[in-house]
C-alpha cells in the first residue's frame, strides 16, 4: 500500500497536477484519498469520451487497476474495489463502458461490491 501512489504517479504522470493539488496542504494523503479524489475523476473523464474505441490512456489505466485488483495484498484489492468499482457501479453508463475494459479480477470485485456514491462511508 505504501508504494501504490508512487507507482501510480510513475505510470501516469498526467495525474501529477491533480495529486499536487490534493496534497497542497503538505500532508501525505493515503491511497484511498488519492484514488477517490484523483484517480476516479480521471477514470470518469476518460470514460466520458464518446469515441467508439477506448483510448490508449483508458486501456492503460484499466491494465494498472487490474494489476492492483489481482494483487496478493488485500489492501490493494480493496482500494480498487472501494474507490473505483463501487463508484462506477453508481454510474450505470460509466460502468457499462468500464466493464468491457475490466480483467477477471476487476470483474470479480464488481460482482461482489455494491454501488457507492462519492462521500458515502466505506
C-alpha atoms as a PDB file:
ATOM      1  CA  UNK A   1       0.000   0.000   0.000  1.00  0.00           C
ATOM      2  CA  UNK A   2       2.846   2.369   0.791  1.00  0.00           C
ATOM      3  CA  UNK A   3       4.161   2.344  -2.768  1.00  0.00           C
ATOM      4  CA  UNK A   4       0.913   2.300  -4.748  1.00  0.00           C
ATOM      5  CA  UNK A   5       0.665   6.100  -5.041  1.00  0.00           C
ATOM      6  CA  UNK A   6       4.296   6.315  -6.187  1.00  0.00           C
ATOM      7  CA  UNK A   7       3.639   3.602  -8.780  1.00  0.00           C
ATOM      8  CA  UNK A   8       0.521   5.394  -9.880  1.00  0.00           C
ATOM      9  CA  UNK A   9       2.357   8.676 -10.460  1.00  0.00           C
ATOM     10  CA  UNK A  10       5.253   6.895 -12.167  1.00  0.00           C
ATOM     11  CA  UNK A  11       2.881   5.186 -14.603  1.00  0.00           C
ATOM     12  CA  UNK A  12       0.515   8.136 -15.010  1.00  0.00           C
ATOM     13  CA  UNK A  13       2.496  11.389 -14.851  1.00  0.00           C
ATOM     14  CA  UNK A  14      -0.578  13.188 -16.185  1.00  0.00           C
ATOM     15  CA  UNK A  15      -2.071  12.770 -12.690  1.00  0.00           C
ATOM     16  CA  UNK A  16       0.762  14.720 -11.040  1.00  0.00           C
ATOM     17  CA  UNK A  17      -1.034  18.130 -11.138  1.00  0.00           C
ATOM     18  CA  UNK A  18      -4.201  16.690  -9.538  1.00  0.00           C
ATOM     19  CA  UNK A  19      -2.076  14.852  -6.959  1.00  0.00           C
ATOM     20  CA  UNK A  20      -0.184  18.040  -6.106  1.00  0.00           C
ATOM     21  CA  UNK A  21      -3.441  19.920  -5.715  1.00  0.00           C
ATOM     22  CA  UNK A  22      -4.834  17.178  -3.461  1.00  0.00           C
ATOM     23  CA  UNK A  23      -1.702  17.226  -1.280  1.00  0.00           C
ATOM     24  CA  UNK A  24      -1.253  21.019  -1.324  1.00  0.00           C
ATOM     25  CA  UNK A  25      -1.554  21.239   2.466  1.00  0.00           C
ATOM     26  CA  UNK A  26       1.718  19.345   2.734  1.00  0.00           C
ATOM     27  CA  UNK A  27       0.107  16.343   4.393  1.00  0.00           C
ATOM     28  CA  UNK A  28       0.694  12.989   2.779  1.00  0.00           C
ATOM     29  CA  UNK A  29      -2.665  11.563   1.700  1.00  0.00           C
ATOM     30  CA  UNK A  30      -3.379   7.849   1.832  1.00  0.00           C
ATOM     31  CA  UNK A  31      -4.102   5.673  -1.163  1.00  0.00           C
ATOM     32  CA  UNK A  32      -7.868   5.743  -0.607  1.00  0.00           C
ATOM     33  CA  UNK A  33      -7.979   9.553  -0.733  1.00  0.00           C
ATOM     34  CA  UNK A  34      -5.792   9.683  -3.842  1.00  0.00           C
ATOM     35  CA  UNK A  35      -7.822   7.002  -5.626  1.00  0.00           C
ATOM     36  CA  UNK A  36     -11.116   8.637  -4.587  1.00  0.00           C
ATOM     37  CA  UNK A  37     -10.150  12.214  -5.427  1.00  0.00           C
ATOM     38  CA  UNK A  38      -7.539  11.890  -8.188  1.00  0.00           C
ATOM     39  CA  UNK A  39      -7.809   8.516  -9.927  1.00  0.00           C
ATOM     40  CA  UNK A  40     -11.587   8.089 -10.038  1.00  0.00           C
ATOM     41  CA  UNK A  41     -12.245  11.538 -11.578  1.00  0.00           C
ATOM     42  CA  UNK A  42      -9.548  10.755 -14.170  1.00  0.00           C
ATOM     43  CA  UNK A  43     -11.185   7.399 -14.959  1.00  0.00           C
ATOM     44  CA  UNK A  44     -14.570   9.103 -15.183  1.00  0.00           C
ATOM     45  CA  UNK A  45     -13.169  11.701 -17.579  1.00  0.00           C
ATOM     46  CA  UNK A  46     -11.590   9.017 -19.772  1.00  0.00           C
ATOM     47  CA  UNK A  47     -14.823   7.009 -19.801  1.00  0.00           C
ATOM     48  CA  UNK A  48     -16.836  10.065 -20.870  1.00  0.00           C
ATOM     49  CA  UNK A  49     -15.050  10.139 -24.241  1.00  0.00           C
ATOM     50  CA  UNK A  50     -17.764   9.120 -26.700  1.00  0.00           C
ATOM     51  CA  UNK A  51     -15.354   7.558 -29.189  1.00  0.00           C
ATOM     52  CA  UNK A  52     -16.384   4.039 -30.183  1.00  0.00           C
ATOM     53  CA  UNK A  53     -12.947   2.684 -29.216  1.00  0.00           C
ATOM     54  CA  UNK A  54     -11.472   3.268 -25.744  1.00  0.00           C
ATOM     55  CA  UNK A  55      -8.414   5.499 -25.699  1.00  0.00           C
ATOM     56  CA  UNK A  56      -4.942   4.146 -25.048  1.00  0.00           C
ATOM     57  CA  UNK A  57      -4.920   6.135 -21.793  1.00  0.00           C
ATOM     58  CA  UNK A  58      -8.096   4.391 -20.646  1.00  0.00           C
ATOM     59  CA  UNK A  59      -6.772   0.951 -21.598  1.00  0.00           C
ATOM     60  CA  UNK A  60      -3.514   1.682 -19.775  1.00  0.00           C
ATOM     61  CA  UNK A  61      -5.374   2.784 -16.648  1.00  0.00           C
ATOM     62  CA  UNK A  62      -7.514  -0.355 -16.604  1.00  0.00           C
ATOM     63  CA  UNK A  63      -4.433  -2.570 -17.037  1.00  0.00           C
ATOM     64  CA  UNK A  64      -2.918  -0.846 -13.987  1.00  0.00           C
ATOM     65  CA  UNK A  65      -6.137  -1.219 -11.985  1.00  0.00           C
ATOM     66  CA  UNK A  66      -6.348  -4.895 -12.960  1.00  0.00           C
ATOM     67  CA  UNK A  67      -2.836  -5.444 -11.608  1.00  0.00           C
ATOM     68  CA  UNK A  68      -3.898  -3.919  -8.301  1.00  0.00           C
ATOM     69  CA  UNK A  69      -7.164  -5.868  -8.268  1.00  0.00           C
ATOM     70  CA  UNK A  70      -5.282  -9.134  -8.706  1.00  0.00           C
ATOM     71  CA  UNK A  71      -2.554  -8.366  -6.144  1.00  0.00           C
ATOM     72  CA  UNK A  72      -1.983 -10.601  -3.145  1.00  0.00           C
ATOM     73  CA  UNK A  73      -2.312  -7.644  -0.779  1.00  0.00           C
ATOM     74  CA  UNK A  74      -5.944  -7.285   0.269  1.00  0.00           C
ATOM     75  CA  UNK A  75      -5.464  -3.525   0.744  1.00  0.00           C
ATOM     76  CA  UNK A  76      -4.651  -3.050  -2.933  1.00  0.00           C
ATOM     77  CA  UNK A  77      -7.715  -5.001  -3.997  1.00  0.00           C
ATOM     78  CA  UNK A  78      -9.839  -3.012  -1.558  1.00  0.00           C
ATOM     79  CA  UNK A  79      -8.656   0.371  -2.816  1.00  0.00           C
ATOM     80  CA  UNK A  80      -9.665  -0.598  -6.368  1.00  0.00           C
ATOM     81  CA  UNK A  81     -12.969  -2.058  -5.197  1.00  0.00           C
ATOM     82  CA  UNK A  82     -13.960   0.812  -2.931  1.00  0.00           C
ATOM     83  CA  UNK A  83     -12.548   3.834  -4.752  1.00  0.00           C
ATOM     84  CA  UNK A  84     -13.149   2.764  -8.342  1.00  0.00           C
ATOM     85  CA  UNK A  85     -15.537  -0.156  -8.794  1.00  0.00           C
ATOM     86  CA  UNK A  86     -18.132   0.736  -6.153  1.00  0.00           C
ATOM     87  CA  UNK A  87     -18.311   4.270  -7.534  1.00  0.00           C
ATOM     88  CA  UNK A  88     -18.506   3.065 -11.143  1.00  0.00           C
ATOM     89  CA  UNK A  89     -21.437   0.864 -10.170  1.00  0.00           C
ATOM     90  CA  UNK A  90     -23.301   4.007  -9.086  1.00  0.00           C
ATOM     91  CA  UNK A  91     -22.895   5.272 -12.685  1.00  0.00           C
ATOM     92  CA  UNK A  92     -24.548   2.699 -14.991  1.00  0.00           C
ATOM     93  CA  UNK A  93     -23.297   4.353 -18.195  1.00  0.00           C
ATOM     94  CA  UNK A  94     -19.701   4.527 -16.964  1.00  0.00           C
ATOM     95  CA  UNK A  95     -19.890   1.006 -15.583  1.00  0.00           C
ATOM     96  CA  UNK A  96     -21.154  -0.373 -18.884  1.00  0.00           C
ATOM     97  CA  UNK A  97     -18.205   1.121 -20.739  1.00  0.00           C
ATOM     98  CA  UNK A  98     -15.741   0.147 -17.989  1.00  0.00           C
ATOM     99  CA  UNK A  99     -16.909  -3.456 -17.845  1.00  0.00           C
ATOM    100  CA  UNK A 100     -15.560  -4.047 -21.360  1.00  0.00           C
ATOM    101  CA  UNK A 101     -12.092  -2.996 -20.146  1.00  0.00           C
ATOM    102  CA  UNK A 102     -12.038  -4.913 -16.868  1.00  0.00           C
ATOM    103  CA  UNK A 103      -9.954  -8.014 -16.444  1.00  0.00           C
ATOM    104  CA  UNK A 104     -11.077 -11.053 -14.444  1.00  0.00           C
ATOM    105  CA  UNK A 105     -10.014  -9.690 -11.048  1.00  0.00           C
ATOM    106  CA  UNK A 106     -11.906  -6.430 -11.516  1.00  0.00           C
ATOM    107  CA  UNK A 107     -14.969  -8.243 -12.830  1.00  0.00           C
ATOM    108  CA  UNK A 108     -14.949 -10.458  -9.740  1.00  0.00           C
ATOM    109  CA  UNK A 109     -14.727  -7.398  -7.479  1.00  0.00           C
ATOM    110  CA  UNK A 110     -17.590  -5.821  -9.436  1.00  0.00           C
ATOM    111  CA  UNK A 111     -19.778  -8.867  -8.774  1.00  0.00           C
ATOM    112  CA  UNK A 112     -19.045  -8.656  -5.045  1.00  0.00           C
ATOM    113  CA  UNK A 113     -19.372  -4.932  -4.367  1.00  0.00           C
ATOM    114  CA  UNK A 114     -22.442  -2.722  -4.026  1.00  0.00           C
ATOM    115  CA  UNK A 115     -22.515   0.751  -5.603  1.00  0.00           C
ATOM    116  CA  UNK A 116     -21.257   3.716  -3.542  1.00  0.00           C
ATOM    117  CA  UNK A 117     -21.717   7.407  -4.169  1.00  0.00           C
ATOM    118  CA  UNK A 118     -18.744   9.720  -3.556  1.00  0.00           C
ATOM    119  CA  UNK A 119     -18.772  10.813   0.054  1.00  0.00           C
ATOM    120  CA  UNK A 120     -20.653   7.775   1.324  1.00  0.00           C
ATOM    121  CA  UNK A 121     -18.830   5.908   4.056  1.00  0.00           C
ATOM    122  CA  UNK A 122     -16.925   2.810   3.029  1.00  0.00           C
END
